Amino acid sequence: ANLHDTGSSLTAMLQVPGIDEKDLKVEV
């Protein structure tokens, strides 16, 4: 994963090849 600060927001990018969106859970 990479985490970037854009000033007004944070962006996290994770490499998840072969995983469907229905098999992912994101919580803050």
mmCIF file of all heavy atoms, coordinates in Angstrom:
data_MODEL
# 
_entry.id   MODEL 
# 
loop_
_atom_site.group_PDB 
_atom_site.id 
_atom_site.type_symbol 
_atom_site.label_atom_id 
_atom_site.label_alt_id 
_atom_site.label_comp_id 
_atom_site.label_asym_id 
_atom_site.label_entity_id 
_atom_site.label_seq_id 
_atom_site.pdbx_PDB_ins_code 
_atom_site.Cartn_x 
_atom_site.Cartn_y 
_atom_site.Cartn_z 
_atom_site.occupancy 
_atom_site.B_iso_or_equiv 
_atom_site.pdbx_formal_charge 
_atom_site.auth_seq_id 
_atom_site.auth_comp_id 
_atom_site.auth_asym_id 
_atom_site.auth_atom_id 
_atom_site.pdbx_PDB_model_num 
ATOM 1   N N   . ALA A 1 1  ? 0.823   -1.206  0.000  1.00 0.00 ? 1  ALA A N   1 
ATOM 2   C CA  . ALA A 1 1  ? 0.000   0.000   0.000  1.00 0.00 ? 1  ALA A CA  1 
ATOM 3   C C   . ALA A 1 1  ? 0.856   1.255   0.000  1.00 0.00 ? 1  ALA A C   1 
ATOM 4   O O   . ALA A 1 1  ? 1.997   1.244   0.453  1.00 0.00 ? 1  ALA A O   1 
ATOM 5   C CB  . ALA A 1 1  ? -0.905  -0.003  1.229  1.00 0.00 ? 1  ALA A CB  1 
ATOM 6   N N   . ASN A 1 2  ? 0.280   2.333   -0.517 1.00 0.00 ? 2  ASN A N   1 
ATOM 7   C CA  . ASN A 1 2  ? 0.854   3.675   -0.445 1.00 0.00 ? 2  ASN A CA  1 
ATOM 8   C C   . ASN A 1 2  ? -0.215  4.592   0.118  1.00 0.00 ? 2  ASN A C   1 
ATOM 9   O O   . ASN A 1 2  ? -1.401  4.433   -0.187 1.00 0.00 ? 2  ASN A O   1 
ATOM 10  C CB  . ASN A 1 2  ? 1.271   4.193   -1.829 1.00 0.00 ? 2  ASN A CB  1 
ATOM 11  C CG  . ASN A 1 2  ? 2.468   3.465   -2.389 1.00 0.00 ? 2  ASN A CG  1 
ATOM 12  O OD1 . ASN A 1 2  ? 3.298   2.955   -1.652 1.00 0.00 ? 2  ASN A OD1 1 
ATOM 13  N ND2 . ASN A 1 2  ? 2.536   3.402   -3.702 1.00 0.00 ? 2  ASN A ND2 1 
ATOM 14  N N   . LEU A 1 3  ? 0.192   5.579   0.924  1.00 0.00 ? 3  LEU A N   1 
ATOM 15  C CA  . LEU A 1 3  ? -0.724  6.563   1.473  1.00 0.00 ? 3  LEU A CA  1 
ATOM 16  C C   . LEU A 1 3  ? -0.186  7.945   1.123  1.00 0.00 ? 3  LEU A C   1 
ATOM 17  O O   . LEU A 1 3  ? 0.973   8.252   1.410  1.00 0.00 ? 3  LEU A O   1 
ATOM 18  C CB  . LEU A 1 3  ? -0.845  6.396   2.992  1.00 0.00 ? 3  LEU A CB  1 
ATOM 19  C CG  . LEU A 1 3  ? -1.792  7.355   3.709  1.00 0.00 ? 3  LEU A CG  1 
ATOM 20  C CD1 . LEU A 1 3  ? -3.234  7.132   3.267  1.00 0.00 ? 3  LEU A CD1 1 
ATOM 21  C CD2 . LEU A 1 3  ? -1.676  7.168   5.216  1.00 0.00 ? 3  LEU A CD2 1 
ATOM 22  N N   . HIS A 1 4  ? -1.021  8.765   0.486  1.00 0.00 ? 4  HIS A N   1 
ATOM 23  C CA  . HIS A 1 4  ? -0.617  10.099  0.041  1.00 0.00 ? 4  HIS A CA  1 
ATOM 24  C C   . HIS A 1 4  ? -1.505  11.154  0.675  1.00 0.00 ? 4  HIS A C   1 
ATOM 25  O O   . HIS A 1 4  ? -2.706  10.946  0.836  1.00 0.00 ? 4  HIS A O   1 
ATOM 26  C CB  . HIS A 1 4  ? -0.735  10.224  -1.490 1.00 0.00 ? 4  HIS A CB  1 
ATOM 27  C CG  . HIS A 1 4  ? 0.051   9.213   -2.242 1.00 0.00 ? 4  HIS A CG  1 
ATOM 28  N ND1 . HIS A 1 4  ? 1.395   9.338   -2.467 1.00 0.00 ? 4  HIS A ND1 1 
ATOM 29  C CD2 . HIS A 1 4  ? -0.321  8.050   -2.828 1.00 0.00 ? 4  HIS A CD2 1 
ATOM 30  C CE1 . HIS A 1 4  ? 1.823   8.292   -3.155 1.00 0.00 ? 4  HIS A CE1 1 
ATOM 31  N NE2 . HIS A 1 4  ? 0.795   7.497   -3.388 1.00 0.00 ? 4  HIS A NE2 1 
ATOM 32  N N   . ASP A 1 5  ? -0.915  12.298  0.994  1.00 0.00 ? 5  ASP A N   1 
ATOM 33  C CA  . ASP A 1 5  ? -1.641  13.453  1.519  1.00 0.00 ? 5  ASP A CA  1 
ATOM 34  C C   . ASP A 1 5  ? -1.724  14.482  0.397  1.00 0.00 ? 5  ASP A C   1 
ATOM 35  O O   . ASP A 1 5  ? -0.707  14.935  -0.115 1.00 0.00 ? 5  ASP A O   1 
ATOM 36  C CB  . ASP A 1 5  ? -0.891  14.035  2.720  1.00 0.00 ? 5  ASP A CB  1 
ATOM 37  C CG  . ASP A 1 5  ? -1.674  15.117  3.437  1.00 0.00 ? 5  ASP A CG  1 
ATOM 38  O OD1 . ASP A 1 5  ? -2.525  15.780  2.806  1.00 0.00 ? 5  ASP A OD1 1 
ATOM 39  O OD2 . ASP A 1 5  ? -1.423  15.308  4.641  1.00 0.00 ? 5  ASP A OD2 1 
ATOM 40  N N   . THR A 1 6  ? -2.952  14.843  -0.004 1.00 0.00 ? 6  THR A N   1 
ATOM 41  C CA  . THR A 1 6  ? -3.136  15.802  -1.098 1.00 0.00 ? 6  THR A CA  1 
ATOM 42  C C   . THR A 1 6  ? -3.464  17.196  -0.591 1.00 0.00 ? 6  THR A C   1 
ATOM 43  O O   . THR A 1 6  ? -3.807  18.067  -1.376 1.00 0.00 ? 6  THR A O   1 
ATOM 44  C CB  . THR A 1 6  ? -4.253  15.334  -2.050 1.00 0.00 ? 6  THR A CB  1 
ATOM 45  O OG1 . THR A 1 6  ? -5.493  15.345  -1.332 1.00 0.00 ? 6  THR A OG1 1 
ATOM 46  C CG2 . THR A 1 6  ? -3.975  13.963  -2.603 1.00 0.00 ? 6  THR A CG2 1 
ATOM 47  N N   . GLY A 1 7  ? -3.411  17.407  0.715  1.00 0.00 ? 7  GLY A N   1 
ATOM 48  C CA  . GLY A 1 7  ? -3.760  18.704  1.293  1.00 0.00 ? 7  GLY A CA  1 
ATOM 49  C C   . GLY A 1 7  ? -5.136  18.661  1.923  1.00 0.00 ? 7  GLY A C   1 
ATOM 50  O O   . GLY A 1 7  ? -5.283  18.801  3.123  1.00 0.00 ? 7  GLY A O   1 
ATOM 51  N N   . SER A 1 8  ? -6.164  18.444  1.109  1.00 0.00 ? 8  SER A N   1 
ATOM 52  C CA  . SER A 1 8  ? -7.529  18.398  1.634  1.00 0.00 ? 8  SER A CA  1 
ATOM 53  C C   . SER A 1 8  ? -8.027  16.976  1.849  1.00 0.00 ? 8  SER A C   1 
ATOM 54  O O   . SER A 1 8  ? -9.091  16.772  2.426  1.00 0.00 ? 8  SER A O   1 
ATOM 55  C CB  . SER A 1 8  ? -8.480  19.130  0.691  1.00 0.00 ? 8  SER A CB  1 
ATOM 56  O OG  . SER A 1 8  ? -8.491  18.493  -0.578 1.00 0.00 ? 8  SER A OG  1 
ATOM 57  N N   . SER A 1 9  ? -7.253  15.990  1.382  1.00 0.00 ? 9  SER A N   1 
ATOM 58  C CA  . SER A 1 9  ? -7.672  14.596  1.554  1.00 0.00 ? 9  SER A CA  1 
ATOM 59  C C   . SER A 1 9  ? -6.452  13.682  1.646  1.00 0.00 ? 9  SER A C   1 
ATOM 60  O O   . SER A 1 9  ? -5.328  14.076  1.356  1.00 0.00 ? 9  SER A O   1 
ATOM 61  C CB  . SER A 1 9  ? -8.566  14.150  0.391  1.00 0.00 ? 9  SER A CB  1 
ATOM 62  O OG  . SER A 1 9  ? -7.840  14.156  -0.824 1.00 0.00 ? 9  SER A OG  1 
ATOM 63  N N   . LEU A 1 10 ? -6.719  12.443  2.060  1.00 0.00 ? 10 LEU A N   1 
ATOM 64  C CA  . LEU A 1 10 ? -5.714  11.385  2.070  1.00 0.00 ? 10 LEU A CA  1 
ATOM 65  C C   . LEU A 1 10 ? -6.149  10.336  1.064  1.00 0.00 ? 10 LEU A C   1 
ATOM 66  O O   . LEU A 1 10 ? -7.340  10.059  0.927  1.00 0.00 ? 10 LEU A O   1 
ATOM 67  C CB  . LEU A 1 10 ? -5.613  10.743  3.456  1.00 0.00 ? 10 LEU A CB  1 
ATOM 68  C CG  . LEU A 1 10 ? -5.233  11.657  4.616  1.00 0.00 ? 10 LEU A CG  1 
ATOM 69  C CD1 . LEU A 1 10 ? -5.339  10.897  5.938  1.00 0.00 ? 10 LEU A CD1 1 
ATOM 70  C CD2 . LEU A 1 10 ? -3.831  12.198  4.435  1.00 0.00 ? 10 LEU A CD2 1 
ATOM 71  N N   . THR A 1 11 ? -5.187  9.758   0.358  1.00 0.00 ? 11 THR A N   1 
ATOM 72  C CA  . THR A 1 11 ? -5.494  8.711   -0.606 1.00 0.00 ? 11 THR A CA  1 
ATOM 73  C C   . THR A 1 11 ? -4.635  7.491   -0.302 1.00 0.00 ? 11 THR A C   1 
ATOM 74  O O   . THR A 1 11 ? -3.409  7.602   -0.216 1.00 0.00 ? 11 THR A O   1 
ATOM 75  C CB  . THR A 1 11 ? -5.221  9.180   -2.051 1.00 0.00 ? 11 THR A CB  1 
ATOM 76  O OG1 . THR A 1 11 ? -6.022  10.329  -2.318 1.00 0.00 ? 11 THR A OG1 1 
ATOM 77  C CG2 . THR A 1 11 ? -5.567  8.095   -3.057 1.00 0.00 ? 11 THR A CG2 1 
ATOM 78  N N   . ALA A 1 12 ? -5.291  6.352   -0.130 1.00 0.00 ? 12 ALA A N   1 
ATOM 79  C CA  . ALA A 1 12 ? -4.594  5.082   0.068  1.00 0.00 ? 12 ALA A CA  1 
ATOM 80  C C   . ALA A 1 12 ? -4.781  4.246   -1.192 1.00 0.00 ? 12 ALA A C   1 
ATOM 81  O O   . ALA A 1 12 ? -5.892  4.150   -1.717 1.00 0.00 ? 12 ALA A O   1 
ATOM 82  C CB  . ALA A 1 12 ? -5.151  4.333   1.282  1.00 0.00 ? 12 ALA A CB  1 
ATOM 83  N N   . MET A 1 13 ? -3.678  3.671   -1.692 1.00 0.00 ? 13 MET A N   1 
ATOM 84  C CA  . MET A 1 13 ? -3.743  2.814   -2.870 1.00 0.00 ? 13 MET A CA  1 
ATOM 85  C C   . MET A 1 13 ? -3.147  1.459   -2.488 1.00 0.00 ? 13 MET A C   1 
ATOM 86  O O   . MET A 1 13 ? -2.008  1.393   -2.039 1.00 0.00 ? 13 MET A O   1 
ATOM 87  C CB  . MET A 1 13 ? -2.993  3.450   -4.029 1.00 0.00 ? 13 MET A CB  1 
ATOM 88  C CG  . MET A 1 13 ? -3.573  4.799   -4.432 1.00 0.00 ? 13 MET A CG  1 
ATOM 89  S SD  . MET A 1 13 ? -2.639  5.636   -5.710 1.00 0.00 ? 13 MET A SD  1 
ATOM 90  C CE  . MET A 1 13 ? -3.109  4.649   -7.112 1.00 0.00 ? 13 MET A CE  1 
ATOM 91  N N   . LEU A 1 14 ? -3.933  0.399   -2.652 1.00 0.00 ? 14 LEU A N   1 
ATOM 92  C CA  . LEU A 1 14 ? -3.518  -0.948  -2.296 1.00 0.00 ? 14 LEU A CA  1 
ATOM 93  C C   . LEU A 1 14 ? -3.585  -1.851  -3.516 1.00 0.00 ? 14 LEU A C   1 
ATOM 94  O O   . LEU A 1 14 ? -4.562  -1.801  -4.276 1.00 0.00 ? 14 LEU A O   1 
ATOM 95  C CB  . LEU A 1 14 ? -4.423  -1.525  -1.205 1.00 0.00 ? 14 LEU A CB  1 
ATOM 96  C CG  . LEU A 1 14 ? -4.371  -0.839  0.149  1.00 0.00 ? 14 LEU A CG  1 
ATOM 97  C CD1 . LEU A 1 14 ? -5.396  0.264   0.229  1.00 0.00 ? 14 LEU A CD1 1 
ATOM 98  C CD2 . LEU A 1 14 ? -4.588  -1.848  1.238  1.00 0.00 ? 14 LEU A CD2 1 
ATOM 99  N N   . GLN A 1 15 ? -2.584  -2.672  -3.706 1.00 0.00 ? 15 GLN A N   1 
ATOM 100 C CA  . GLN A 1 15 ? -2.555  -3.622  -4.818 1.00 0.00 ? 15 GLN A CA  1 
ATOM 101 C C   . GLN A 1 15 ? -3.282  -4.891  -4.393 1.00 0.00 ? 15 GLN A C   1 
ATOM 102 O O   . GLN A 1 15 ? -2.816  -5.616  -3.520 1.00 0.00 ? 15 GLN A O   1 
ATOM 103 C CB  . GLN A 1 15 ? -1.131  -3.941  -5.207 1.00 0.00 ? 15 GLN A CB  1 
ATOM 104 C CG  . GLN A 1 15 ? -0.369  -2.758  -5.735 1.00 0.00 ? 15 GLN A CG  1 
ATOM 105 C CD  . GLN A 1 15 ? 1.070   -3.106  -6.064 1.00 0.00 ? 15 GLN A CD  1 
ATOM 106 O OE1 . GLN A 1 15 ? 1.455   -4.264  -6.126 1.00 0.00 ? 15 GLN A OE1 1 
ATOM 107 N NE2 . GLN A 1 15 ? 1.879   -2.086  -6.261 1.00 0.00 ? 15 GLN A NE2 1 
ATOM 108 N N   . VAL A 1 16 ? -4.435  -5.159  -5.016 1.00 0.00 ? 16 VAL A N   1 
ATOM 109 C CA  . VAL A 1 16 ? -5.249  -6.321  -4.674 1.00 0.00 ? 16 VAL A CA  1 
ATOM 110 C C   . VAL A 1 16 ? -5.650  -7.100  -5.934 1.00 0.00 ? 16 VAL A C   1 
ATOM 111 O O   . VAL A 1 16 ? -6.823  -7.292  -6.212 1.00 0.00 ? 16 VAL A O   1 
ATOM 112 C CB  . VAL A 1 16 ? -6.497  -5.915  -3.860 1.00 0.00 ? 16 VAL A CB  1 
ATOM 113 C CG1 . VAL A 1 16 ? -6.121  -5.451  -2.464 1.00 0.00 ? 16 VAL A CG1 1 
ATOM 114 C CG2 . VAL A 1 16 ? -7.296  -4.826  -4.573 1.00 0.00 ? 16 VAL A CG2 1 
ATOM 115 N N   . PRO A 1 17 ? -4.663  -7.576  -6.703 1.00 0.00 ? 17 PRO A N   1 
ATOM 116 C CA  . PRO A 1 17 ? -5.001  -8.267  -7.953 1.00 0.00 ? 17 PRO A CA  1 
ATOM 117 C C   . PRO A 1 17 ? -5.797  -9.540  -7.693 1.00 0.00 ? 17 PRO A C   1 
ATOM 118 O O   . PRO A 1 17 ? -5.538  -10.263 -6.732 1.00 0.00 ? 17 PRO A O   1 
ATOM 119 C CB  . PRO A 1 17 ? -3.632  -8.590  -8.557 1.00 0.00 ? 17 PRO A CB  1 
ATOM 120 C CG  . PRO A 1 17 ? -2.706  -8.627  -7.392 1.00 0.00 ? 17 PRO A CG  1 
ATOM 121 C CD  . PRO A 1 17 ? -3.230  -7.605  -6.427 1.00 0.00 ? 17 PRO A CD  1 
ATOM 122 N N   . GLY A 1 18 ? -6.774  -9.778  -8.540 1.00 0.00 ? 18 GLY A N   1 
ATOM 123 C CA  . GLY A 1 18 ? -7.560  -11.004 -8.455 1.00 0.00 ? 18 GLY A CA  1 
ATOM 124 C C   . GLY A 1 18 ? -8.649  -10.985 -7.407 1.00 0.00 ? 18 GLY A C   1 
ATOM 125 O O   . GLY A 1 18 ? -9.272  -12.018 -7.150 1.00 0.00 ? 18 GLY A O   1 
ATOM 126 N N   . ILE A 1 19 ? -8.913  -9.841  -6.795 1.00 0.00 ? 19 ILE A N   1 
ATOM 127 C CA  . ILE A 1 19 ? -9.950  -9.757  -5.772 1.00 0.00 ? 19 ILE A CA  1 
ATOM 128 C C   . ILE A 1 19 ? -11.112 -8.930  -6.311 1.00 0.00 ? 19 ILE A C   1 
ATOM 129 O O   . ILE A 1 19 ? -10.922 -7.841  -6.849 1.00 0.00 ? 19 ILE A O   1 
ATOM 130 C CB  . ILE A 1 19 ? -9.399  -9.138  -4.475 1.00 0.00 ? 19 ILE A CB  1 
ATOM 131 C CG1 . ILE A 1 19 ? -8.260  -10.014 -3.939 1.00 0.00 ? 19 ILE A CG1 1 
ATOM 132 C CG2 . ILE A 1 19 ? -10.503 -8.988  -3.435 1.00 0.00 ? 19 ILE A CG2 1 
ATOM 133 C CD1 . ILE A 1 19 ? -7.606  -9.482  -2.694 1.00 0.00 ? 19 ILE A CD1 1 
ATOM 134 N N   . ASP A 1 20 ? -12.328 -9.472  -6.183 1.00 0.00 ? 20 ASP A N   1 
ATOM 135 C CA  . ASP A 1 20 ? -13.526 -8.758  -6.616 1.00 0.00 ? 20 ASP A CA  1 
ATOM 136 C C   . ASP A 1 20 ? -13.932 -7.735  -5.570 1.00 0.00 ? 20 ASP A C   1 
ATOM 137 O O   . ASP A 1 20 ? -13.669 -7.913  -4.375 1.00 0.00 ? 20 ASP A O   1 
ATOM 138 C CB  . ASP A 1 20 ? -14.691 -9.732  -6.819 1.00 0.00 ? 20 ASP A CB  1 
ATOM 139 C CG  . ASP A 1 20 ? -14.481 -10.651 -8.003 1.00 0.00 ? 20 ASP A CG  1 
ATOM 140 O OD1 . ASP A 1 20 ? -13.820 -10.232 -8.977 1.00 0.00 ? 20 ASP A OD1 1 
ATOM 141 O OD2 . ASP A 1 20 ? -14.971 -11.794 -7.953 1.00 0.00 ? 20 ASP A OD2 1 
ATOM 142 N N   . GLU A 1 21 ? -14.628 -6.680  -6.008 1.00 0.00 ? 21 GLU A N   1 
ATOM 143 C CA  . GLU A 1 21 ? -15.056 -5.639  -5.083 1.00 0.00 ? 21 GLU A CA  1 
ATOM 144 C C   . GLU A 1 21 ? -15.980 -6.180  -3.999 1.00 0.00 ? 21 GLU A C   1 
ATOM 145 O O   . GLU A 1 21 ? -15.991 -5.698  -2.873 1.00 0.00 ? 21 GLU A O   1 
ATOM 146 C CB  . GLU A 1 21 ? -15.705 -4.459  -5.820 1.00 0.00 ? 21 GLU A CB  1 
ATOM 147 C CG  . GLU A 1 21 ? -17.024 -4.764  -6.489 1.00 0.00 ? 21 GLU A CG  1 
ATOM 148 C CD  . GLU A 1 21 ? -16.888 -5.363  -7.892 1.00 0.00 ? 21 GLU A CD  1 
ATOM 149 O OE1 . GLU A 1 21 ? -15.774 -5.519  -8.405 1.00 0.00 ? 21 GLU A OE1 1 
ATOM 150 O OE2 . GLU A 1 21 ? -17.941 -5.691  -8.471 1.00 0.00 ? 21 GLU A OE2 1 
ATOM 151 N N   . LYS A 1 22 ? -16.743 -7.224  -4.309 1.00 0.00 ? 22 LYS A N   1 
ATOM 152 C CA  . LYS A 1 22 ? -17.643 -7.799  -3.307 1.00 0.00 ? 22 LYS A CA  1 
ATOM 153 C C   . LYS A 1 22 ? -16.889 -8.545  -2.209 1.00 0.00 ? 22 LYS A C   1 
ATOM 154 O O   . LYS A 1 22 ? -17.442 -8.806  -1.143 1.00 0.00 ? 22 LYS A O   1 
ATOM 155 C CB  . LYS A 1 22 ? -18.678 -8.709  -3.972 1.00 0.00 ? 22 LYS A CB  1 
ATOM 156 C CG  . LYS A 1 22 ? -18.115 -9.970  -4.588 1.00 0.00 ? 22 LYS A CG  1 
ATOM 157 C CD  . LYS A 1 22 ? -19.223 -10.784 -5.228 1.00 0.00 ? 22 LYS A CD  1 
ATOM 158 C CE  . LYS A 1 22 ? -18.827 -12.055 -5.892 1.00 0.00 ? 22 LYS A CE  1 
ATOM 159 N NZ  . LYS A 1 22 ? -17.489 -12.412 -6.086 1.00 0.00 ? 22 LYS A NZ  1 
ATOM 160 N N   . ASP A 1 23 ? -15.624 -8.843  -2.435 1.00 0.00 ? 23 ASP A N   1 
ATOM 161 C CA  . ASP A 1 23 ? -14.802 -9.544  -1.449 1.00 0.00 ? 23 ASP A CA  1 
ATOM 162 C C   . ASP A 1 23 ? -13.904 -8.597  -0.657 1.00 0.00 ? 23 ASP A C   1 
ATOM 163 O O   . ASP A 1 23 ? -13.008 -9.036  0.056  1.00 0.00 ? 23 ASP A O   1 
ATOM 164 C CB  . ASP A 1 23 ? -13.945 -10.610 -2.132 1.00 0.00 ? 23 ASP A CB  1 
ATOM 165 C CG  . ASP A 1 23 ? -14.795 -11.711 -2.757 1.00 0.00 ? 23 ASP A CG  1 
ATOM 166 O OD1 . ASP A 1 23 ? -15.812 -12.078 -2.142 1.00 0.00 ? 23 ASP A OD1 1 
ATOM 167 O OD2 . ASP A 1 23 ? -14.456 -12.180 -3.854 1.00 0.00 ? 23 ASP A OD2 1 
ATOM 168 N N   . LEU A 1 24 ? -14.131 -7.276  -0.789 1.00 0.00 ? 24 LEU A N   1 
ATOM 169 C CA  . LEU A 1 24 ? -13.350 -6.269  -0.077 1.00 0.00 ? 24 LEU A CA  1 
ATOM 170 C C   . LEU A 1 24 ? -14.221 -5.537  0.931  1.00 0.00 ? 24 LEU A C   1 
ATOM 171 O O   . LEU A 1 24 ? -15.409 -5.306  0.690  1.00 0.00 ? 24 LEU A O   1 
ATOM 172 C CB  . LEU A 1 24 ? -12.772 -5.239  -1.053 1.00 0.00 ? 24 LEU A CB  1 
ATOM 173 C CG  . LEU A 1 24 ? -11.645 -5.714  -1.948 1.00 0.00 ? 24 LEU A CG  1 
ATOM 174 C CD1 . LEU A 1 24 ? -11.393 -4.701  -3.052 1.00 0.00 ? 24 LEU A CD1 1 
ATOM 175 C CD2 . LEU A 1 24 ? -10.384 -5.950  -1.138 1.00 0.00 ? 24 LEU A CD2 1 
ATOM 176 N N   . LYS A 1 25 ? -13.625 -5.166  2.063  1.00 0.00 ? 25 LYS A N   1 
ATOM 177 C CA  . LYS A 1 25 ? -14.321 -4.397  3.090  1.00 0.00 ? 25 LYS A CA  1 
ATOM 178 C C   . LYS A 1 25 ? -13.404 -3.239  3.488  1.00 0.00 ? 25 LYS A C   1 
ATOM 179 O O   . LYS A 1 25 ? -12.242 -3.460  3.819  1.00 0.00 ? 25 LYS A O   1 
ATOM 180 C CB  . LYS A 1 25 ? -14.625 -5.277  4.287  1.00 0.00 ? 25 LYS A CB  1 
ATOM 181 C CG  . LYS A 1 25 ? -15.383 -4.590  5.393  1.00 0.00 ? 25 LYS A CG  1 
ATOM 182 C CD  . LYS A 1 25 ? -15.686 -5.582  6.511  1.00 0.00 ? 25 LYS A CD  1 
ATOM 183 C CE  . LYS A 1 25 ? -16.412 -4.906  7.647  1.00 0.00 ? 25 LYS A CE  1 
ATOM 184 N NZ  . LYS A 1 25 ? -16.646 -5.839  8.762  1.00 0.00 ? 25 LYS A NZ  1 
ATOM 185 N N   . VAL A 1 26 ? -13.932 -2.017  3.439  1.00 0.00 ? 26 VAL A N   1 
ATOM 186 C CA  . VAL A 1 26 ? -13.167 -0.820  3.787  1.00 0.00 ? 26 VAL A CA  1 
ATOM 187 C C   . VAL A 1 26 ? -13.901 -0.126  4.928  1.00 0.00 ? 26 VAL A C   1 
ATOM 188 O O   . VAL A 1 26 ? -15.098 0.140   4.828  1.00 0.00 ? 26 VAL A O   1 
ATOM 189 C CB  . VAL A 1 26 ? -13.039 0.130   2.577  1.00 0.00 ? 26 VAL A CB  1 
ATOM 190 C CG1 . VAL A 1 26 ? -12.310 1.402   2.961  1.00 0.00 ? 26 VAL A CG1 1 
ATOM 191 C CG2 . VAL A 1 26 ? -12.348 -0.567  1.414  1.00 0.00 ? 26 VAL A CG2 1 
ATOM 192 N N   . GLU A 1 27 ? -13.155 0.152   6.019  1.00 0.00 ? 27 GLU A N   1 
ATOM 193 C CA  . GLU A 1 27 ? -13.746 0.816   7.178  1.00 0.00 ? 27 GLU A CA  1 
ATOM 194 C C   . GLU A 1 27 ? -12.837 1.956   7.630  1.00 0.00 ? 27 GLU A C   1 
ATOM 195 O O   . GLU A 1 27 ? -11.615 1.812   7.617  1.00 0.00 ? 27 GLU A O   1 
ATOM 196 C CB  . GLU A 1 27 ? -13.895 -0.140  8.358  1.00 0.00 ? 27 GLU A CB  1 
ATOM 197 C CG  . GLU A 1 27 ? -14.881 -1.255  8.143  1.00 0.00 ? 27 GLU A CG  1 
ATOM 198 C CD  . GLU A 1 27 ? -14.955 -2.173  9.348  1.00 0.00 ? 27 GLU A CD  1 
ATOM 199 O OE1 . GLU A 1 27 ? -13.906 -2.684  9.767  1.00 0.00 ? 27 GLU A OE1 1 
ATOM 200 O OE2 . GLU A 1 27 ? -16.075 -2.338  9.870  1.00 0.00 ? 27 GLU A OE2 1 
ATOM 201 N N   . VAL A 1 28 ? -13.459 3.068   8.037  1.00 0.00 ? 28 VAL A N   1 
ATOM 202 C CA  . VAL A 1 28 ? -12.731 4.173   8.654  1.00 0.00 ? 28 VAL A CA  1 
ATOM 203 C C   . VAL A 1 28 ? -13.378 4.400   10.008 1.00 0.00 ? 28 VAL A C   1 
ATOM 204 O O   . VAL A 1 28 ? -14.578 4.618   10.111 1.00 0.00 ? 28 VAL A O   1 
ATOM 205 C CB  . VAL A 1 28 ? -12.807 5.464   7.813  1.00 0.00 ? 28 VAL A CB  1 
ATOM 206 C CG1 . VAL A 1 28 ? -12.158 6.617   8.553  1.00 0.00 ? 28 VAL A CG1 1 
ATOM 207 C CG2 . VAL A 1 28 ? -12.145 5.261   6.471  1.00 0.00 ? 28 VAL A CG2 1 
# 
